[in-house]
Amino acid sequence: LMLLGGEATGGISPALIDAACAVELVHTASLVFDDLPCMDDAKTRRGRSTTHIAHGEGRAILAGISLVTEAMRLLATARDADATTRMELVASLARAVGPLGLSAGQDLDLHAPKTAASVELEQDLKTGALFVAGFEMLALVQNLGAEENSRLAQLGQQLGRAFQCYDDLLDVEAAA
């Protein structure tokens, strides 16, 4: 989505490719963590053994940590980006993953009662925050204005909700 947005807003730069790869690294880490026995305890993902089943819990945790730190390194050294942009890219992704983003959403998934409002908040944090960060990074790299950034953030939030609903439905189908 970030690369499609780049094509629509002036072209794909090396910095945008690095930012998009960083988002994918974090997304993959979130799946590794989500599958762990202390979270969803999934045995398979996309028809294959989950990381902790194939390689053990310790390696799964280390793989997840490595993916997140590699994402941050990639942003901190983003090609063709100035130092300020690199710093803002790291800050954006860190916000999305941290205690007010994906981590908080995962905690709600594990521990909050399921009401319409709590599920929507969970989706906004667990999944939406990563979509919003991706679009925020697109806006940073492409030098888009505040209005475009705001519109992209709204799109990211809605895509996060839709993606999480779809993912949850896949889980229900797999369990049936």
Protein backbone atom coordinates (compact mmCIF):
# COMPACT_ATOMS: atom_id res chain seq x y z
CA LEU A 1 0.00 0.00 0.00
CA MET A 2 2.85 2.38 0.77
CA LEU A 3 4.40 1.76 -2.63
CA LEU A 4 1.06 2.24 -4.37
CA GLY A 5 0.72 5.50 -2.46
CA GLY A 6 4.22 6.44 -3.54
CA GLU A 7 3.36 5.86 -7.19
CA ALA A 8 0.31 8.09 -6.78
CA THR A 9 2.22 10.90 -5.04
CA GLY A 10 5.38 11.42 -7.03
CA GLY A 11 7.18 8.11 -7.34
CA ILE A 12 8.85 5.42 -5.31
CA SER A 13 12.12 6.40 -3.69
CA PRO A 14 14.69 4.23 -1.90
CA ALA A 15 13.59 5.81 1.40
CA LEU A 16 9.98 4.78 0.75
CA ILE A 17 11.08 1.22 -0.07
CA ASP A 18 13.05 1.11 3.20
CA ALA A 19 10.03 2.41 5.15
CA ALA A 20 7.68 -0.11 3.52
CA CYS A 21 10.10 -2.94 4.29
CA ALA A 22 10.31 -1.77 7.91
CA VAL A 23 6.52 -1.94 8.25
CA GLU A 24 6.53 -5.47 6.80
CA LEU A 25 9.27 -6.53 9.24
CA VAL A 26 7.23 -5.28 12.18
CA HIS A 27 4.07 -6.90 10.83
CA THR A 28 5.89 -10.23 10.58
CA ALA A 29 7.24 -9.84 14.12
CA SER A 30 3.72 -9.15 15.38
CA LEU A 31 2.53 -12.41 13.82
CA VAL A 32 5.40 -14.38 15.38
CA PHE A 33 4.54 -12.92 18.80
CA ASP A 34 0.78 -13.33 18.32
CA ASP A 35 1.20 -17.05 17.58
CA LEU A 36 3.14 -17.79 20.80
CA PRO A 37 1.56 -20.07 23.42
CA CYS A 38 1.19 -17.14 25.84
CA MET A 39 -0.82 -15.23 23.20
CA ASP A 40 -3.03 -17.11 20.68
CA ASP A 41 -1.09 -20.40 20.81
CA ALA A 42 -1.50 -20.92 17.08
CA LYS A 43 0.00 -24.07 15.60
CA THR A 44 -0.19 -23.01 11.96
CA ARG A 45 -0.23 -19.81 9.96
CA ARG A 46 -1.07 -19.77 6.28
CA GLY A 47 -0.95 -23.57 6.21
CA ARG A 48 2.55 -23.88 7.70
CA SER A 49 3.86 -24.47 11.19
CA THR A 50 4.20 -21.28 13.20
CA THR A 51 7.68 -20.11 14.11
CA HIS A 52 7.52 -21.37 17.70
CA ILE A 53 6.33 -24.80 16.55
CA ALA A 54 9.03 -25.09 13.87
CA HIS A 55 11.92 -23.57 15.82
CA GLY A 56 10.92 -23.38 19.50
CA GLU A 57 9.58 -20.56 21.65
CA GLY A 58 12.99 -19.09 22.45
CA ARG A 59 13.94 -18.71 18.82
CA ALA A 60 10.51 -17.32 17.98
CA ILE A 61 10.90 -14.60 20.61
CA LEU A 62 14.41 -13.80 19.41
CA ALA A 63 13.21 -13.73 15.80
CA GLY A 64 10.45 -11.27 16.70
CA ILE A 65 12.86 -9.01 18.56
CA SER A 66 15.32 -9.19 15.68
CA LEU A 67 12.65 -8.27 13.14
CA VAL A 68 11.59 -5.20 15.14
CA THR A 69 15.14 -4.00 15.70
CA GLU A 70 16.02 -4.57 12.05
CA ALA A 71 13.01 -2.47 11.08
CA MET A 72 14.23 0.37 13.28
CA ARG A 73 17.78 0.06 11.89
CA LEU A 74 16.42 0.19 8.37
CA LEU A 75 14.53 3.41 9.13
CA ALA A 76 17.48 4.96 10.96
CA THR A 77 19.59 4.44 7.84
CA ALA A 78 16.87 4.96 5.21
CA ARG A 79 18.46 5.62 1.86
CA ASP A 80 18.14 9.09 0.33
CA ALA A 81 16.50 10.50 3.49
CA ASP A 82 17.92 13.30 5.60
CA ALA A 83 18.60 12.88 9.31
CA THR A 84 15.38 14.59 10.40
CA THR A 85 13.24 12.40 8.16
CA ARG A 86 15.01 9.28 9.40
CA MET A 87 14.37 10.30 13.01
CA GLU A 88 10.68 10.96 12.27
CA LEU A 89 10.36 7.59 10.50
CA VAL A 90 11.77 5.75 13.53
CA ALA A 91 9.52 7.73 15.89
CA SER A 92 6.43 6.97 13.81
CA LEU A 93 7.01 3.23 13.76
CA ALA A 94 8.02 3.16 17.44
CA ARG A 95 4.73 4.87 18.37
CA ALA A 96 2.80 2.31 16.34
CA VAL A 97 4.47 -0.65 18.04
CA GLY A 98 4.76 0.68 21.57
CA PRO A 99 2.51 1.00 24.62
CA LEU A 100 -0.02 3.24 22.84
CA GLY A 101 -0.14 1.12 19.67
CA LEU A 102 0.22 -2.51 18.71
CA SER A 103 1.36 -3.64 22.18
CA ALA A 104 -1.67 -2.06 23.83
CA GLY A 105 -3.97 -3.59 21.22
CA GLN A 106 -2.52 -7.04 21.80
CA ASP A 107 -3.05 -6.60 25.55
CA LEU A 108 -6.69 -5.69 24.93
CA ASP A 109 -7.03 -8.74 22.69
CA LEU A 110 -5.80 -10.96 25.51
CA HIS A 111 -7.45 -9.35 28.52
CA ALA A 112 -10.30 -6.94 27.73
CA PRO A 113 -13.95 -7.95 27.71
CA LYS A 114 -15.31 -8.09 24.17
CA THR A 115 -17.74 -5.26 23.54
CA ALA A 116 -18.24 -3.40 20.27
CA ALA A 117 -16.28 -0.43 21.62
CA SER A 118 -13.43 -2.51 23.06
CA VAL A 119 -13.05 -4.53 19.86
CA GLU A 120 -12.93 -1.35 17.78
CA LEU A 121 -10.27 0.13 20.07
CA GLU A 122 -8.33 -3.15 19.94
CA GLN A 123 -8.44 -3.06 16.12
CA ASP A 124 -7.36 0.57 16.04
CA LEU A 125 -4.36 -0.17 18.25
CA LYS A 126 -3.37 -3.69 17.27
CA THR A 127 -3.68 -3.33 13.52
CA GLY A 128 -4.75 0.19 12.66
CA ALA A 129 -1.72 1.76 14.31
CA LEU A 130 0.59 -0.04 11.90
CA PHE A 131 -1.46 1.01 8.85
CA VAL A 132 -1.56 4.60 10.15
CA ALA A 133 2.21 4.58 10.71
CA GLY A 134 2.81 3.27 7.20
CA PHE A 135 0.76 6.08 5.71
CA GLU A 136 2.38 8.62 8.04
CA MET A 137 5.79 7.46 6.83
CA LEU A 138 4.56 7.72 3.23
CA ALA A 139 3.55 11.32 3.92
CA LEU A 140 6.94 12.05 5.51
CA VAL A 141 8.98 10.61 2.66
CA GLN A 142 6.78 12.17 -0.03
CA ASN A 143 6.64 15.55 1.77
CA LEU A 144 2.85 15.56 1.75
CA GLY A 145 0.99 18.22 3.67
CA ALA A 146 -0.94 17.98 6.92
CA GLU A 147 -4.28 17.59 5.15
CA GLU A 148 -3.05 14.63 3.08
CA ASN A 149 -1.44 13.10 6.16
CA SER A 150 -4.73 13.37 8.07
CA ARG A 151 -6.67 11.74 5.23
CA LEU A 152 -4.13 8.94 5.01
CA ALA A 153 -4.33 8.39 8.78
CA GLN A 154 -8.12 8.03 8.53
CA LEU A 155 -7.69 5.55 5.67
CA GLY A 156 -5.12 3.63 7.71
CA GLN A 157 -7.47 3.35 10.66
CA GLN A 158 -10.30 2.02 8.49
CA LEU A 159 -8.02 -0.43 6.69
CA GLY A 160 -6.74 -1.64 10.06
CA ARG A 161 -10.27 -2.41 11.20
CA ALA A 162 -11.12 -4.19 7.95
CA PHE A 163 -7.89 -6.20 7.97
CA GLN A 164 -8.34 -7.26 11.60
CA CYS A 165 -11.96 -8.32 10.98
CA TYR A 166 -10.85 -10.41 8.02
CA ASP A 167 -7.96 -11.95 9.98
CA ASP A 168 -10.27 -12.80 12.88
CA LEU A 169 -12.73 -14.45 10.48
CA LEU A 170 -9.90 -16.57 9.07
CA ASP A 171 -9.08 -17.69 12.62
CA VAL A 172 -12.71 -18.70 13.23
CA GLU A 173 -12.83 -20.63 9.94
CA ALA A 174 -9.57 -22.42 10.73
CA ALA A 175 -10.88 -23.46 14.16
CA ALA A 176 -14.16 -24.81 12.70
